[in-house]
């Protein structure tokens, strides 16, 4: 992992111990860490992938609304957390890459703010939810 702010290092450490899929992105939306449960969603291991640009990891998930319509960029929870600096929650469908199955998920994303109010990125927590 490239040199990061201590707050992002701590978020990564916490995410590594949790059993739900978690993404950690920097201020550009680059996926700088995803935990082992998130590997199942995108069918990639973090150790093999390392960082993924916003467009790349977003394309892997193929997020849509529950109606199956493509989710506009500005409505994606991590994008809202980054651009609007506020927590957000959404019910989505994402593609499980290994099977191609569309999974109903709920996503909660929130910004990571460092000392003196510096924007550092955002975190998203995913869990499968009944359709």
Protein backbone atom coordinates (compact mmCIF):
# COMPACT_ATOMS: atom_id res chain seq x y z
CA UNK A 1 0.00 0.00 0.00
CA UNK A 2 1.30 3.44 -0.90
CA UNK A 3 2.03 5.82 1.96
CA UNK A 4 -1.37 6.88 3.33
CA UNK A 5 -2.74 9.08 6.07
CA UNK A 6 -2.91 7.39 9.46
CA UNK A 7 -6.73 7.60 9.50
CA UNK A 8 -6.95 5.55 6.30
CA UNK A 9 -4.46 3.03 7.66
CA UNK A 10 -6.63 2.61 10.76
CA UNK A 11 -9.81 2.22 8.69
CA UNK A 12 -8.07 -0.44 6.63
CA UNK A 13 -6.97 -2.24 9.78
CA UNK A 14 -10.51 -2.24 11.16
CA UNK A 15 -11.97 -3.40 7.81
CA UNK A 16 -9.59 -6.36 7.76
CA UNK A 17 -11.22 -7.72 10.93
CA UNK A 18 -14.87 -7.29 9.91
CA UNK A 19 -16.99 -9.96 8.22
CA UNK A 20 -18.98 -7.75 5.84
CA UNK A 21 -17.64 -6.48 2.50
CA UNK A 22 -15.92 -3.11 2.90
CA UNK A 23 -14.36 -0.77 0.36
CA UNK A 24 -12.01 2.08 1.28
CA UNK A 25 -11.44 4.78 -1.34
CA UNK A 26 -9.22 7.84 -1.45
CA UNK A 27 -10.35 11.35 -2.40
CA UNK A 28 -10.22 10.48 -6.13
CA UNK A 29 -12.45 7.43 -5.65
CA UNK A 30 -9.56 5.01 -6.15
CA UNK A 31 -10.28 1.76 -4.32
CA UNK A 32 -7.24 1.59 -2.05
CA UNK A 33 -8.39 -1.38 0.02
CA UNK A 34 -11.11 -4.01 0.11
CA UNK A 35 -11.37 -6.74 2.69
CA UNK A 36 -11.67 -10.48 2.14
CA UNK A 37 -15.51 -10.55 2.18
CA UNK A 38 -15.48 -7.87 -0.57
CA UNK A 39 -13.27 -10.11 -2.69
CA UNK A 40 -16.30 -12.36 -3.20
CA UNK A 41 -18.26 -9.47 -4.73
CA UNK A 42 -15.65 -8.52 -7.30
CA UNK A 43 -13.99 -11.95 -7.71
CA UNK A 44 -10.52 -10.53 -7.16
CA UNK A 45 -8.10 -10.80 -4.28
CA UNK A 46 -6.79 -7.53 -2.90
CA UNK A 47 -3.24 -8.88 -2.72
CA UNK A 48 -3.35 -9.55 -6.46
CA UNK A 49 -5.21 -6.41 -7.50
CA UNK A 50 -4.05 -3.65 -5.18
CA UNK A 51 -5.64 -0.32 -6.13
CA UNK A 52 -8.45 0.08 -8.69
CA UNK A 53 -9.61 3.33 -10.29
CA UNK A 54 -13.23 4.41 -9.68
CA UNK A 55 -14.38 3.51 -13.19
CA UNK A 56 -12.70 0.11 -13.01
CA UNK A 57 -14.13 -1.08 -9.69
CA UNK A 58 -17.53 0.44 -10.44
CA UNK A 59 -17.65 -1.48 -13.73
CA UNK A 60 -16.85 -4.70 -11.84
CA UNK A 61 -19.92 -4.23 -9.64
CA UNK A 62 -22.20 -2.91 -12.38
CA UNK A 63 -24.39 -1.08 -9.83
CA UNK A 64 -28.03 -0.51 -10.72
CA UNK A 65 -31.10 0.60 -8.85
CA UNK A 66 -33.40 -2.13 -7.59
CA UNK A 67 -35.41 -1.57 -10.79
CA UNK A 68 -32.38 -2.71 -12.83
CA UNK A 69 -31.76 0.72 -14.34
CA UNK A 70 -28.12 1.89 -14.34
CA UNK A 71 -27.34 3.96 -11.28
CA UNK A 72 -26.19 7.47 -12.19
CA UNK A 73 -22.67 8.22 -11.04
CA UNK A 74 -23.80 10.94 -8.61
CA UNK A 75 -26.26 8.54 -6.90
CA UNK A 76 -23.68 5.90 -6.01
CA UNK A 77 -23.17 5.85 -2.24
CA UNK A 78 -19.38 6.14 -2.28
CA UNK A 79 -19.55 9.00 -4.77
CA UNK A 80 -22.09 10.82 -2.57
CA UNK A 81 -19.89 10.33 0.48
CA UNK A 82 -16.88 11.70 -1.41
CA UNK A 83 -18.46 14.57 -3.32
CA UNK A 84 -21.02 15.72 -0.77
CA UNK A 85 -19.07 14.81 2.38
CA UNK A 86 -22.08 13.13 3.95
CA UNK A 87 -23.10 9.60 4.89
CA UNK A 88 -25.49 7.94 2.48
CA UNK A 89 -27.38 4.68 2.20
CA UNK A 90 -28.88 2.92 -0.82
CA UNK A 91 -30.50 -0.32 -1.89
CA UNK A 92 -28.87 -1.54 -5.10
CA UNK A 93 -28.26 -4.50 -7.33
CA UNK A 94 -24.66 -5.47 -8.03
CA UNK A 95 -23.22 -8.22 -10.18
CA UNK A 96 -21.37 -10.98 -8.35
CA UNK A 97 -18.50 -11.38 -10.79
CA UNK A 98 -17.84 -15.12 -10.37
CA UNK A 99 -21.43 -16.16 -11.11
CA UNK A 100 -22.88 -13.17 -12.96
CA UNK A 101 -25.75 -13.20 -10.46
CA UNK A 102 -27.42 -9.88 -9.67
CA UNK A 103 -27.38 -9.50 -5.88
CA UNK A 104 -29.62 -7.17 -3.93
CA UNK A 105 -27.40 -5.28 -1.51
CA UNK A 106 -27.64 -2.39 0.85
CA UNK A 107 -24.71 -0.01 0.96
CA UNK A 108 -23.85 2.54 3.60
CA UNK A 109 -21.02 4.92 2.77
CA UNK A 110 -19.48 7.69 4.81
CA UNK A 111 -16.61 10.13 4.38
CA UNK A 112 -13.31 9.78 6.21
CA UNK A 113 -12.18 13.11 7.60
CA UNK A 114 -8.75 13.62 9.09
CA UNK A 115 -7.31 16.09 11.52
CA UNK A 116 -8.21 19.71 10.85
CA UNK A 117 -11.13 18.56 8.69
CA UNK A 118 -9.04 17.21 5.81
CA UNK A 119 -10.99 15.06 3.35
CA UNK A 120 -9.24 11.71 3.09
CA UNK A 121 -11.69 9.48 1.26
CA UNK A 122 -14.68 7.33 2.09
CA UNK A 123 -15.75 3.88 3.24
CA UNK A 124 -18.60 1.70 2.00
CA UNK A 125 -20.09 -1.23 3.86
CA UNK A 126 -22.13 -3.77 1.85
CA UNK A 127 -24.50 -6.48 2.90
CA UNK A 128 -26.81 -8.70 0.94
CA UNK A 129 -30.45 -7.93 1.48
CA UNK A 130 -33.72 -9.51 0.42
CA UNK A 131 -34.91 -8.21 -2.96
